[in-house]
Amino acid sequence: MQDVLAVAAFTLGIAALVLGGGIPSAHFVGLVVGVIGLPLALVSQMISATTNERWLNVIGMVGSFVGAGFAISHGGFSL
């Protein structure tokens, strides 16, 4: 379960970063993915057992946070 959560957090973090910062017209989706990805990465960090999982979690956390920040600057939850 720890591996699945770590990979999910990493994937959501990268997706939030790409959607929130790379594609300004997808700011709503990027923000939703970032808001889901950040708590998921935090929970995954609490139950992680190996250093490799923690690396994926930290990348996912930072990606989710920065992606959500970019998405907010591009319009946030407004459609």
C-alpha atoms as a PDB file:
ATOM      1  CA  MET A   1       0.000   0.000   0.000  1.00  0.00           C
ATOM      2  CA  GLN A   2       2.878   2.364   0.712  1.00  0.00           C
ATOM      3  CA  ASP A   3       4.258   1.965  -2.803  1.00  0.00           C
ATOM      4  CA  VAL A   4       0.875   2.627  -4.394  1.00  0.00           C
ATOM      5  CA  LEU A   5       0.347   5.788  -2.346  1.00  0.00           C
ATOM      6  CA  ALA A   6       3.864   7.032  -3.110  1.00  0.00           C
ATOM      7  CA  VAL A   7       3.399   6.547  -6.856  1.00  0.00           C
ATOM      8  CA  ALA A   8      -0.073   8.134  -6.711  1.00  0.00           C
ATOM      9  CA  ALA A   9       1.299  11.156  -4.832  1.00  0.00           C
ATOM     10  CA  PHE A  10       4.134  11.506  -7.341  1.00  0.00           C
ATOM     11  CA  THR A  11       1.752  11.236 -10.299  1.00  0.00           C
ATOM     12  CA  LEU A  12      -0.714  13.751  -8.882  1.00  0.00           C
ATOM     13  CA  GLY A  13       2.100  16.160  -8.022  1.00  0.00           C
ATOM     14  CA  ILE A  14       3.531  16.091 -11.532  1.00  0.00           C
ATOM     15  CA  ALA A  15       0.026  16.370 -13.031  1.00  0.00           C
ATOM     16  CA  ALA A  16      -0.767  19.387 -10.831  1.00  0.00           C
ATOM     17  CA  LEU A  17       2.494  21.022 -11.808  1.00  0.00           C
ATOM     18  CA  VAL A  18       1.894  20.500 -15.527  1.00  0.00           C
ATOM     19  CA  LEU A  19      -1.804  21.416 -15.475  1.00  0.00           C
ATOM     20  CA  GLY A  20      -1.502  24.310 -13.036  1.00  0.00           C
ATOM     21  CA  GLY A  21       1.653  25.904 -14.351  1.00  0.00           C
ATOM     22  CA  GLY A  22       2.172  24.625 -17.870  1.00  0.00           C
ATOM     23  CA  ILE A  23      -1.346  24.911 -19.271  1.00  0.00           C
ATOM     24  CA  PRO A  24      -2.990  28.108 -17.979  1.00  0.00           C
ATOM     25  CA  SER A  25      -6.405  27.237 -19.439  1.00  0.00           C
ATOM     26  CA  ALA A  26      -6.480  24.046 -17.317  1.00  0.00           C
ATOM     27  CA  HIS A  27      -6.140  25.926 -14.025  1.00  0.00           C
ATOM     28  CA  PHE A  28      -9.322  24.447 -12.515  1.00  0.00           C
ATOM     29  CA  VAL A  29      -8.250  20.843 -13.105  1.00  0.00           C
ATOM     30  CA  GLY A  30      -4.707  21.636 -11.957  1.00  0.00           C
ATOM     31  CA  LEU A  31      -5.982  23.124  -8.719  1.00  0.00           C
ATOM     32  CA  VAL A  32      -8.286  20.184  -8.011  1.00  0.00           C
ATOM     33  CA  VAL A  33      -5.437  17.728  -8.641  1.00  0.00           C
ATOM     34  CA  GLY A  34      -3.129  19.784  -6.415  1.00  0.00           C
ATOM     35  CA  VAL A  35      -5.674  19.962  -3.597  1.00  0.00           C
ATOM     36  CA  ILE A  36      -6.110  16.176  -3.740  1.00  0.00           C
ATOM     37  CA  GLY A  37      -2.400  15.437  -4.205  1.00  0.00           C
ATOM     38  CA  LEU A  38      -1.023  17.402  -1.263  1.00  0.00           C
ATOM     39  CA  PRO A  39      -2.921  15.637   1.554  1.00  0.00           C
ATOM     40  CA  LEU A  40      -2.410  12.301  -0.191  1.00  0.00           C
ATOM     41  CA  ALA A  41       1.345  12.918  -0.246  1.00  0.00           C
ATOM     42  CA  LEU A  42       1.314  13.903   3.427  1.00  0.00           C
ATOM     43  CA  VAL A  43      -0.525  10.721   4.428  1.00  0.00           C
ATOM     44  CA  SER A  44       1.793   8.674   2.251  1.00  0.00           C
ATOM     45  CA  GLN A  45       4.791  10.332   3.893  1.00  0.00           C
ATOM     46  CA  MET A  46       3.527   9.334   7.336  1.00  0.00           C
ATOM     47  CA  ILE A  47       3.263   5.639   6.441  1.00  0.00           C
ATOM     48  CA  SER A  48       6.270   5.365   4.119  1.00  0.00           C
ATOM     49  CA  ALA A  49       8.869   2.770   5.045  1.00  0.00           C
ATOM     50  CA  THR A  50      11.763   3.339   2.651  1.00  0.00           C
ATOM     51  CA  THR A  51      13.843   6.242   1.436  1.00  0.00           C
ATOM     52  CA  ASN A  52      12.694   5.703  -2.153  1.00  0.00           C
ATOM     53  CA  GLU A  53       9.065   6.158  -1.130  1.00  0.00           C
ATOM     54  CA  ARG A  54       9.960   9.321   0.746  1.00  0.00           C
ATOM     55  CA  TRP A  55      11.675  10.756  -2.338  1.00  0.00           C
ATOM     56  CA  LEU A  56       8.532  10.182  -4.395  1.00  0.00           C
ATOM     57  CA  ASN A  57       6.400  11.692  -1.632  1.00  0.00           C
ATOM     58  CA  VAL A  58       8.490  14.848  -1.357  1.00  0.00           C
ATOM     59  CA  ILE A  59       8.458  15.351  -5.127  1.00  0.00           C
ATOM     60  CA  GLY A  60       4.685  14.817  -5.103  1.00  0.00           C
ATOM     61  CA  MET A  61       4.190  17.258  -2.220  1.00  0.00           C
ATOM     62  CA  VAL A  62       6.251  19.999  -3.821  1.00  0.00           C
ATOM     63  CA  GLY A  63       4.662  19.427  -7.235  1.00  0.00           C
ATOM     64  CA  SER A  64       1.151  19.558  -5.785  1.00  0.00           C
ATOM     65  CA  PHE A  65       1.874  22.697  -3.775  1.00  0.00           C
ATOM     66  CA  VAL A  66       3.587  24.588  -6.578  1.00  0.00           C
ATOM     67  CA  GLY A  67       1.067  23.392  -9.177  1.00  0.00           C
ATOM     68  CA  ALA A  68      -1.831  24.512  -6.988  1.00  0.00           C
ATOM     69  CA  GLY A  69      -0.127  27.869  -6.493  1.00  0.00           C
ATOM     70  CA  PHE A  70       0.304  28.351 -10.228  1.00  0.00           C
ATOM     71  CA  ALA A  71      -3.311  27.288 -10.787  1.00  0.00           C
ATOM     72  CA  ILE A  72      -4.512  29.843  -8.232  1.00  0.00           C
ATOM     73  CA  SER A  73      -2.510  32.551  -9.989  1.00  0.00           C
ATOM     74  CA  HIS A  74      -4.130  31.583 -13.315  1.00  0.00           C
ATOM     75  CA  GLY A  75      -7.678  31.801 -11.980  1.00  0.00           C
ATOM     76  CA  GLY A  76      -8.139  29.238  -9.229  1.00  0.00           C
ATOM     77  CA  PHE A  77     -11.543  27.605  -8.918  1.00  0.00           C
ATOM     78  CA  SER A  78     -13.192  29.958 -11.418  1.00  0.00           C
ATOM     79  CA  LEU A  79     -14.412  28.368 -14.607  1.00  0.00           C
END
